[in-house]
Amino acid sequence: MIGAGAGSGIGRRIGAAAERLAARAMIRPRSPTADLYLVNACGGWIGPDRPVARLGPGVFASAETLVVVRNWGRAEALPRRRRVIWLIDDDIEAACADRSLRPGQRLKLALFERRQGRRLLAAGAEVAVSSAALAERYRGRARVHLLRPHWSEPLAGLAHHAEAGPVRIGFLGSAVHGGDLAFLLPVLRELLDRHPEAELHLAANHRLGALAGHPRLRPIRETSWQAYRASLGARRLHIALYPLRETPVNRARSVNKIIEHGVAGAAGVYSAGWPEAARVARRGAGLVLPERAGAWAEAVSGLIRDAAARRALAARGRALAADLNHPALLQDFWRHGFALGPPNLIN
C-alpha cells in the first residue's frame, strides 16, 4: 500500500504520525485543485452511497481507481486499486527550486507533492495534468492526460461596466504569485495616484511594498476557498491582472485564470510569456503585454479611462471563458477514469 500509514516498525509509525501532523498544519481541508478538475463537474458521483468515495481533501476512490490530487495529506492511508491517477496543476519539480516562492511554500511542495508524487509514479500511476508544459514534463515517464478546469459558478454579466462608481482592478493570484506581482507594485501605486476613480483588490497576505497603506487598496481578506468562490462574482471587477514572470513554473500555468476572470466579470490583462496568452491574443479576449512595467502602466491606464473598451474586452474574455469551461469534458474523462460505466448507470 502507498500512503501515510504504510510500512511497519516503530520508526515508520512515528514517521507516519509526524507526516499526518504536518499535513494537518500545512494542507487545506478543501483542495481547490480537486474542485476545479473533478468535484465541480462530478460532485454528484462522490459521497456516501455514491460510486466514488472521498477519503481526504485530494483522495478519491471508486471500486477500480484511486485518484490522488497533488498529495494524500489528511488521508489516513491509500486503498489498493487496479488503477492509480495522480492529478497535478503545477510544475512541482520546478516550483521546489523557485526561490521567489516563500520557504514554507517550497517545503510543502517538497514534503508532500514532490515526494509523494515520486512514490506514485514509481508505483505505476498515470498522470492527469492541466497544461501542455506539464504533459511534456511527464511524457515518457507515465501515461499522461491533459484536462481543463471547470468553475461551477456562473460567468458574470457585464452590466457593472456601464455603472457609475469606482473602477475595480483585481489581482486574483494568491501569495504564491508574489514574485509575479512584485514588478508591478510601483506601477500600481502610480496608477492609483493618477486615477482617483480606481481601486485595487488583492489578497491581504501579499507583501505590498510601494502599495502598503494606500487608501484605495481593498484587501481580499483571507478566507476559505469555498467562501472565495462564492464571493467572486459579487466583486464585479472591471480589470483583472495576471502578470507572470517567464519561469518554468509559470510556463506550466493552466487556462484557469481566463475562466476565473470571466466569473469576476473582468477585462483580463496577461503576460505575453505565458503560453496561454497566445490563445487570448487570437480571440482578442484580453490585453497581452511584455514584462515591462511601462507597458502595463500605459495599458491599464487606458482601460481605466475607457469604459467602452473595458466592456468590449471583458465580453470577448467572457466568450473565451465560456468556450473553455465545459463540465462535460471532465465528466467524460472521469466516468472512464473511475470505470463507472455508461452515463445512464451513474446515479
Protein backbone atom coordinates (compact mmCIF):
# COMPACT_ATOMS: atom_id res chain seq x y z
CA MET A 1 0.00 0.00 0.00
CA ILE A 2 1.23 3.52 -0.83
CA GLY A 3 0.25 6.03 1.78
CA ALA A 4 0.50 7.81 5.06
CA GLY A 5 0.02 4.62 7.04
CA ALA A 6 2.36 2.37 5.05
CA GLY A 7 5.14 0.24 6.47
CA SER A 8 5.85 -1.38 9.83
CA GLY A 9 8.07 -0.86 12.84
CA ILE A 10 8.07 1.87 15.46
CA GLY A 11 10.24 4.22 13.39
CA ARG A 12 7.88 4.05 10.45
CA ARG A 13 4.86 4.55 12.71
CA ILE A 14 6.43 7.64 14.27
CA GLY A 15 7.28 8.95 10.80
CA ALA A 16 3.73 8.38 9.59
CA ALA A 17 2.33 10.15 12.65
CA ALA A 18 4.65 13.10 12.07
CA GLU A 19 3.58 13.26 8.43
CA ARG A 20 -0.08 13.34 9.44
CA LEU A 21 0.58 16.19 11.89
CA ALA A 22 2.45 18.14 9.23
CA ALA A 23 -0.39 17.59 6.77
CA ARG A 24 -2.90 18.95 9.29
CA ALA A 25 -0.81 22.08 9.68
CA MET A 26 0.13 22.70 6.03
CA ILE A 27 -2.68 21.34 3.85
CA ARG A 28 -6.09 22.91 3.49
CA PRO A 29 -9.14 20.86 4.45
CA ARG A 30 -10.52 21.55 0.94
CA SER A 31 -8.47 21.21 -2.25
CA PRO A 32 -9.03 23.90 -4.92
CA THR A 33 -7.37 21.64 -7.49
CA ALA A 34 -9.73 18.78 -6.67
CA ASP A 35 -12.72 21.10 -7.03
CA LEU A 36 -11.59 22.62 -10.33
CA TYR A 37 -10.58 19.37 -12.04
CA LEU A 38 -13.00 16.86 -10.54
CA VAL A 39 -15.61 17.85 -7.93
CA ASN A 40 -17.17 20.86 -9.66
CA ALA A 41 -18.03 18.71 -12.67
CA CYS A 42 -18.60 15.33 -11.00
CA GLY A 43 -19.72 16.10 -7.45
CA GLY A 44 -22.93 14.12 -7.85
CA TRP A 45 -20.93 10.92 -8.10
CA ILE A 46 -18.99 11.49 -4.86
CA GLY A 47 -20.05 10.70 -1.30
CA PRO A 48 -21.74 8.08 0.86
CA ASP A 49 -23.79 5.63 -1.18
CA ARG A 50 -22.21 7.02 -4.35
CA PRO A 51 -19.79 5.22 -6.68
CA VAL A 52 -16.83 7.41 -5.66
CA ALA A 53 -15.66 7.87 -2.06
CA ARG A 54 -13.74 10.92 -0.86
CA LEU A 55 -11.07 9.76 1.58
CA GLY A 56 -9.34 13.12 2.10
CA PRO A 57 -9.22 16.61 0.57
CA GLY A 58 -7.47 15.24 -2.51
CA VAL A 59 -8.04 11.46 -2.35
CA PHE A 60 -10.88 9.73 -4.21
CA ALA A 61 -11.56 6.06 -4.88
CA SER A 62 -14.01 4.00 -6.87
CA ALA A 63 -14.08 0.21 -6.94
CA GLU A 64 -11.45 0.25 -9.71
CA THR A 65 -9.48 3.51 -9.42
CA LEU A 66 -7.59 5.58 -6.86
CA VAL A 67 -7.11 9.31 -7.60
CA VAL A 68 -4.64 11.44 -5.66
CA VAL A 69 -4.93 15.18 -6.27
CA ARG A 70 -1.47 16.68 -5.68
CA ASN A 71 -0.92 14.82 -2.36
CA TRP A 72 -2.63 12.48 0.07
CA GLY A 73 -2.25 14.74 3.11
CA ARG A 74 -5.07 14.44 5.69
CA ALA A 75 -5.94 10.97 4.38
CA GLU A 76 -5.07 8.18 6.80
CA ALA A 77 -3.98 5.72 4.11
CA LEU A 78 -4.48 4.83 0.47
CA PRO A 79 -6.52 1.79 -0.55
CA ARG A 80 -5.17 -0.58 -3.16
CA ARG A 81 -6.77 -0.18 -6.56
CA ARG A 82 -6.09 -1.59 -10.00
CA ARG A 83 -5.61 1.88 -11.49
CA VAL A 84 -3.99 4.96 -9.90
CA ILE A 85 -4.15 8.52 -11.27
CA TRP A 86 -2.09 11.41 -9.89
CA LEU A 87 -3.65 14.81 -10.70
CA ILE A 88 -1.45 17.94 -10.61
CA ASP A 89 -1.81 21.53 -11.81
CA ASP A 90 1.68 22.91 -11.04
CA ASP A 91 5.21 22.14 -12.19
CA ILE A 92 6.16 20.81 -8.79
CA GLU A 93 9.75 19.93 -9.66
CA ALA A 94 10.40 23.48 -10.90
CA ALA A 95 8.49 25.10 -8.04
CA CYS A 96 10.58 23.36 -5.38
CA ALA A 97 13.63 25.17 -6.81
CA ASP A 98 11.91 28.55 -7.35
CA ARG A 99 13.43 30.98 -4.82
CA SER A 100 10.69 33.54 -5.45
CA LEU A 101 8.33 31.24 -3.52
CA ARG A 102 8.29 31.56 0.25
CA PRO A 103 10.22 28.87 2.15
CA GLY A 104 7.05 27.42 3.66
CA GLN A 105 5.53 27.03 0.21
CA ARG A 106 8.60 25.22 -1.12
CA LEU A 107 8.70 22.99 1.97
CA LYS A 108 5.08 21.92 1.47
CA LEU A 109 5.73 21.16 -2.20
CA ALA A 110 8.85 19.14 -1.42
CA LEU A 111 7.42 17.34 1.61
CA PHE A 112 4.10 16.34 0.08
CA GLU A 113 3.62 16.88 -3.66
CA ARG A 114 7.11 16.01 -4.90
CA ARG A 115 7.92 13.18 -2.51
CA GLN A 116 4.51 11.55 -2.70
CA GLY A 117 4.27 12.08 -6.45
CA ARG A 118 7.54 10.27 -7.00
CA ARG A 119 6.22 7.34 -4.99
CA LEU A 120 3.04 7.26 -7.04
CA LEU A 121 4.98 7.35 -10.30
CA ALA A 122 7.24 4.54 -9.09
CA ALA A 123 4.10 2.51 -8.40
CA GLY A 124 2.89 2.97 -11.97
CA ALA A 125 0.43 5.84 -11.60
CA GLU A 126 -0.94 7.68 -14.60
CA VAL A 127 -0.73 11.49 -14.52
CA ALA A 128 -3.56 13.93 -15.21
CA VAL A 129 -2.21 17.45 -15.83
CA SER A 130 -3.56 20.93 -16.50
CA SER A 131 -1.23 22.26 -19.22
CA ALA A 132 0.77 21.23 -22.26
CA ALA A 133 4.02 22.04 -20.45
CA LEU A 134 3.15 19.63 -17.64
CA ALA A 135 2.16 16.98 -20.16
CA GLU A 136 5.57 17.33 -21.76
CA ARG A 137 7.36 17.02 -18.40
CA TYR A 138 5.76 13.65 -17.63
CA ARG A 139 5.54 12.21 -21.13
CA GLY A 140 7.70 9.11 -21.31
CA ARG A 141 7.51 8.62 -17.53
CA ALA A 142 3.80 7.81 -17.30
CA ARG A 143 0.58 7.72 -19.27
CA VAL A 144 -0.50 11.39 -19.39
CA HIS A 145 -3.94 13.00 -19.67
CA LEU A 146 -4.50 16.73 -20.29
CA LEU A 147 -7.52 18.26 -18.50
CA ARG A 148 -9.15 21.68 -18.33
CA PRO A 149 -10.55 23.18 -15.13
CA HIS A 150 -14.25 23.79 -14.59
CA TRP A 151 -15.83 26.52 -12.46
CA SER A 152 -19.40 25.71 -11.40
CA GLU A 153 -20.02 29.39 -10.54
CA PRO A 154 -21.74 31.29 -13.37
CA LEU A 155 -19.81 33.66 -15.58
CA ALA A 156 -20.63 37.23 -14.59
CA GLY A 157 -22.80 39.63 -16.53
CA LEU A 158 -21.22 42.84 -17.75
CA ALA A 159 -23.73 45.48 -16.60
CA HIS A 160 -21.31 46.79 -13.98
CA HIS A 161 -19.07 48.13 -16.76
CA ALA A 162 -21.74 50.75 -17.52
CA GLU A 163 -22.45 51.69 -13.89
CA ALA A 164 -21.14 54.74 -12.08
CA GLY A 165 -18.65 54.22 -9.28
CA PRO A 166 -15.04 53.16 -8.79
CA VAL A 167 -13.12 51.23 -11.41
CA ARG A 168 -12.26 47.99 -9.62
CA ILE A 169 -8.90 46.47 -10.59
CA GLY A 170 -8.18 43.00 -9.27
CA PHE A 171 -5.15 40.77 -8.86
CA LEU A 172 -6.60 37.34 -8.07
CA GLY A 173 -3.33 35.49 -7.55
CA SER A 174 -2.54 34.05 -4.13
CA ALA A 175 0.68 34.65 -2.22
CA VAL A 176 2.29 32.01 -4.47
CA HIS A 177 2.24 34.73 -7.15
CA GLY A 178 4.02 37.30 -5.03
CA GLY A 179 7.10 37.21 -7.25
CA ASP A 180 4.95 37.81 -10.33
CA LEU A 181 3.26 40.80 -8.75
CA ALA A 182 6.48 42.41 -7.46
CA PHE A 183 7.49 44.26 -10.62
CA LEU A 184 4.02 45.84 -10.86
CA LEU A 185 3.81 47.21 -7.32
CA PRO A 186 5.31 50.65 -8.14
CA VAL A 187 3.19 50.82 -11.31
CA LEU A 188 0.01 50.06 -9.39
CA ARG A 189 0.83 52.72 -6.81
CA GLU A 190 1.36 55.26 -9.57
CA LEU A 191 -1.90 54.24 -11.30
CA LEU A 192 -3.92 54.63 -8.11
CA ASP A 193 -2.35 58.05 -7.50
CA ARG A 194 -3.03 59.15 -11.09
CA HIS A 195 -6.61 57.78 -11.24
CA PRO A 196 -8.67 58.67 -8.15
CA GLU A 197 -11.58 56.71 -9.65
CA ALA A 198 -9.62 53.42 -9.42
CA GLU A 199 -9.25 50.97 -6.55
CA LEU A 200 -7.19 47.81 -6.29
CA HIS A 201 -8.44 44.49 -4.90
CA LEU A 202 -5.90 41.80 -3.99
CA ALA A 203 -5.25 39.14 -1.38
CA ALA A 204 -4.40 40.58 2.02
CA ASN A 205 -1.42 38.26 2.53
CA HIS A 206 0.72 39.78 -0.24
CA ARG A 207 3.88 41.72 0.53
CA LEU A 208 2.72 45.11 -0.65
CA GLY A 209 5.91 47.17 -0.87
CA ALA A 210 5.09 50.51 -2.50
CA LEU A 211 1.35 49.83 -2.20
CA ALA A 212 1.30 49.47 1.58
CA GLY A 213 -1.17 51.80 3.24
CA HIS A 214 -2.71 53.21 0.08
CA PRO A 215 -6.25 54.47 0.85
CA ARG A 216 -7.74 52.81 -2.24
CA LEU A 217 -6.23 49.41 -1.62
CA ARG A 218 -9.04 46.90 -0.99
CA PRO A 219 -7.65 43.74 0.60
CA ILE A 220 -9.36 40.44 -0.19
CA ARG A 221 -9.37 39.03 3.32
CA GLU A 222 -8.05 35.53 3.81
CA THR A 223 -10.96 33.16 3.89
CA SER A 224 -11.86 29.63 2.89
CA TRP A 225 -11.69 28.52 -0.72
CA GLN A 226 -15.45 27.95 -0.71
CA ALA A 227 -16.16 31.47 0.57
CA TYR A 228 -13.79 32.97 -2.00
CA ARG A 229 -15.54 31.15 -4.83
CA ALA A 230 -18.96 32.24 -3.60
CA SER A 231 -17.88 35.89 -3.39
CA LEU A 232 -16.03 36.17 -6.69
CA GLY A 233 -18.95 37.09 -8.94
CA ALA A 234 -20.17 39.70 -6.46
CA ARG A 235 -16.84 41.54 -6.68
CA ARG A 236 -17.81 42.75 -10.18
CA LEU A 237 -14.28 43.59 -11.20
CA HIS A 238 -13.65 45.77 -14.23
CA ILE A 239 -10.00 44.84 -14.86
CA ALA A 240 -8.10 41.71 -13.73
CA LEU A 241 -4.31 41.46 -13.89
CA TYR A 242 -2.32 38.28 -14.50
CA PRO A 243 1.37 39.17 -14.66
CA LEU A 244 3.65 36.15 -14.88
CA ARG A 245 7.43 36.09 -14.97
CA GLU A 246 8.91 33.85 -17.64
CA THR A 247 9.83 30.87 -15.45
CA PRO A 248 9.42 27.09 -15.78
CA VAL A 249 6.69 27.20 -13.13
CA ASN A 250 4.69 29.83 -14.99
CA ARG A 251 5.08 28.15 -18.36
CA ALA A 252 3.01 25.32 -16.88
CA ARG A 253 0.09 27.51 -15.75
CA SER A 254 -3.32 26.38 -16.99
CA VAL A 255 -6.19 28.33 -18.58
CA ASN A 256 -7.78 28.65 -15.13
CA LYS A 257 -7.34 32.43 -14.74
CA ILE A 258 -9.19 33.07 -18.02
CA ILE A 259 -12.26 31.36 -16.58
CA GLU A 260 -11.79 32.94 -13.14
CA HIS A 261 -11.71 36.40 -14.73
CA GLY A 262 -14.92 35.52 -16.56
CA VAL A 263 -16.58 34.63 -13.25
CA ALA A 264 -15.43 38.02 -11.90
CA GLY A 265 -16.70 39.87 -15.00
CA ALA A 266 -13.33 41.48 -15.71
CA ALA A 267 -11.30 42.52 -18.73
CA GLY A 268 -8.12 40.47 -18.43
CA VAL A 269 -4.54 41.71 -18.81
CA TYR A 270 -1.96 38.94 -19.28
CA SER A 271 1.79 38.47 -19.61
CA ALA A 272 2.94 37.65 -23.14
CA GLY A 273 5.36 34.99 -21.87
CA TRP A 274 2.52 32.78 -20.62
CA PRO A 275 1.84 30.13 -23.31
CA GLU A 276 -1.95 30.52 -23.00
CA ALA A 277 -1.61 34.25 -23.78
CA ALA A 278 -1.44 33.28 -27.46
CA ARG A 279 -4.98 31.89 -27.16
CA VAL A 280 -6.13 35.13 -25.53
CA ALA A 281 -4.48 37.25 -28.24
CA ARG A 282 -6.03 35.26 -31.10
CA ARG A 283 -9.50 35.89 -29.70
CA GLY A 284 -8.89 39.50 -28.66
CA ALA A 285 -10.06 38.25 -25.26
CA GLY A 286 -7.65 40.33 -23.16
CA LEU A 287 -4.60 42.54 -23.41
CA VAL A 288 -1.31 40.65 -23.79
CA LEU A 289 1.73 42.61 -22.63
CA PRO A 290 5.50 42.17 -22.32
CA GLU A 291 7.11 42.14 -18.90
CA ARG A 292 7.81 45.87 -18.90
CA ALA A 293 6.30 48.00 -16.18
CA GLY A 294 5.77 50.93 -18.53
CA ALA A 295 3.70 48.84 -20.95
CA TRP A 296 1.42 47.70 -18.13
CA ALA A 297 1.06 51.23 -16.79
CA GLU A 298 0.02 52.59 -20.18
CA ALA A 299 -2.39 49.75 -20.99
CA VAL A 300 -4.15 49.66 -17.62
CA SER A 301 -4.40 53.44 -17.54
CA GLY A 302 -6.13 53.31 -20.93
CA LEU A 303 -8.65 50.76 -19.67
CA ILE A 304 -9.38 52.82 -16.57
CA ARG A 305 -10.23 55.81 -18.78
CA ASP A 306 -12.24 53.94 -21.44
CA ALA A 307 -15.31 52.12 -20.11
CA ALA A 308 -16.46 51.01 -23.57
CA ALA A 309 -13.10 49.40 -24.36
CA ARG A 310 -13.13 47.71 -20.95
CA ARG A 311 -16.56 46.23 -21.52
CA ALA A 312 -15.76 45.03 -25.04
CA LEU A 313 -12.60 43.31 -23.81
CA ALA A 314 -14.48 41.73 -20.89
CA ALA A 315 -17.17 40.48 -23.29
CA ARG A 316 -14.61 38.73 -25.51
CA GLY A 317 -12.89 37.32 -22.42
CA ARG A 318 -16.21 36.02 -21.15
CA ALA A 319 -16.86 34.33 -24.52
CA LEU A 320 -13.48 32.59 -24.37
CA ALA A 321 -14.10 31.54 -20.76
CA ALA A 322 -17.45 30.05 -21.80
CA ASP A 323 -15.74 28.05 -24.55
CA LEU A 324 -13.18 26.66 -22.08
CA ASN A 325 -15.49 25.98 -19.13
CA HIS A 326 -17.28 22.76 -20.14
CA PRO A 327 -18.04 20.19 -17.40
CA ALA A 328 -18.88 17.51 -19.97
CA LEU A 329 -15.21 17.09 -20.89
CA LEU A 330 -14.26 16.32 -17.29
CA GLN A 331 -17.32 14.14 -16.77
CA ASP A 332 -16.42 12.01 -19.75
CA PHE A 333 -12.80 11.64 -18.60
CA TRP A 334 -13.65 10.73 -15.00
CA ARG A 335 -16.51 8.42 -15.93
CA HIS A 336 -13.95 6.33 -17.79
CA GLY A 337 -11.20 7.02 -15.24
CA PHE A 338 -13.25 5.70 -12.34
CA ALA A 339 -14.70 2.89 -14.54
CA LEU A 340 -18.26 3.92 -13.73
CA GLY A 341 -19.90 2.62 -16.88
CA PRO A 342 -22.28 4.39 -19.28
CA PRO A 343 -23.74 7.78 -18.18
CA ASN A 344 -27.24 6.35 -17.62
CA LEU A 345 -25.85 3.94 -14.99
CA ILE A 346 -24.35 6.70 -12.81
CA ASN A 347 -26.62 7.94 -10.04
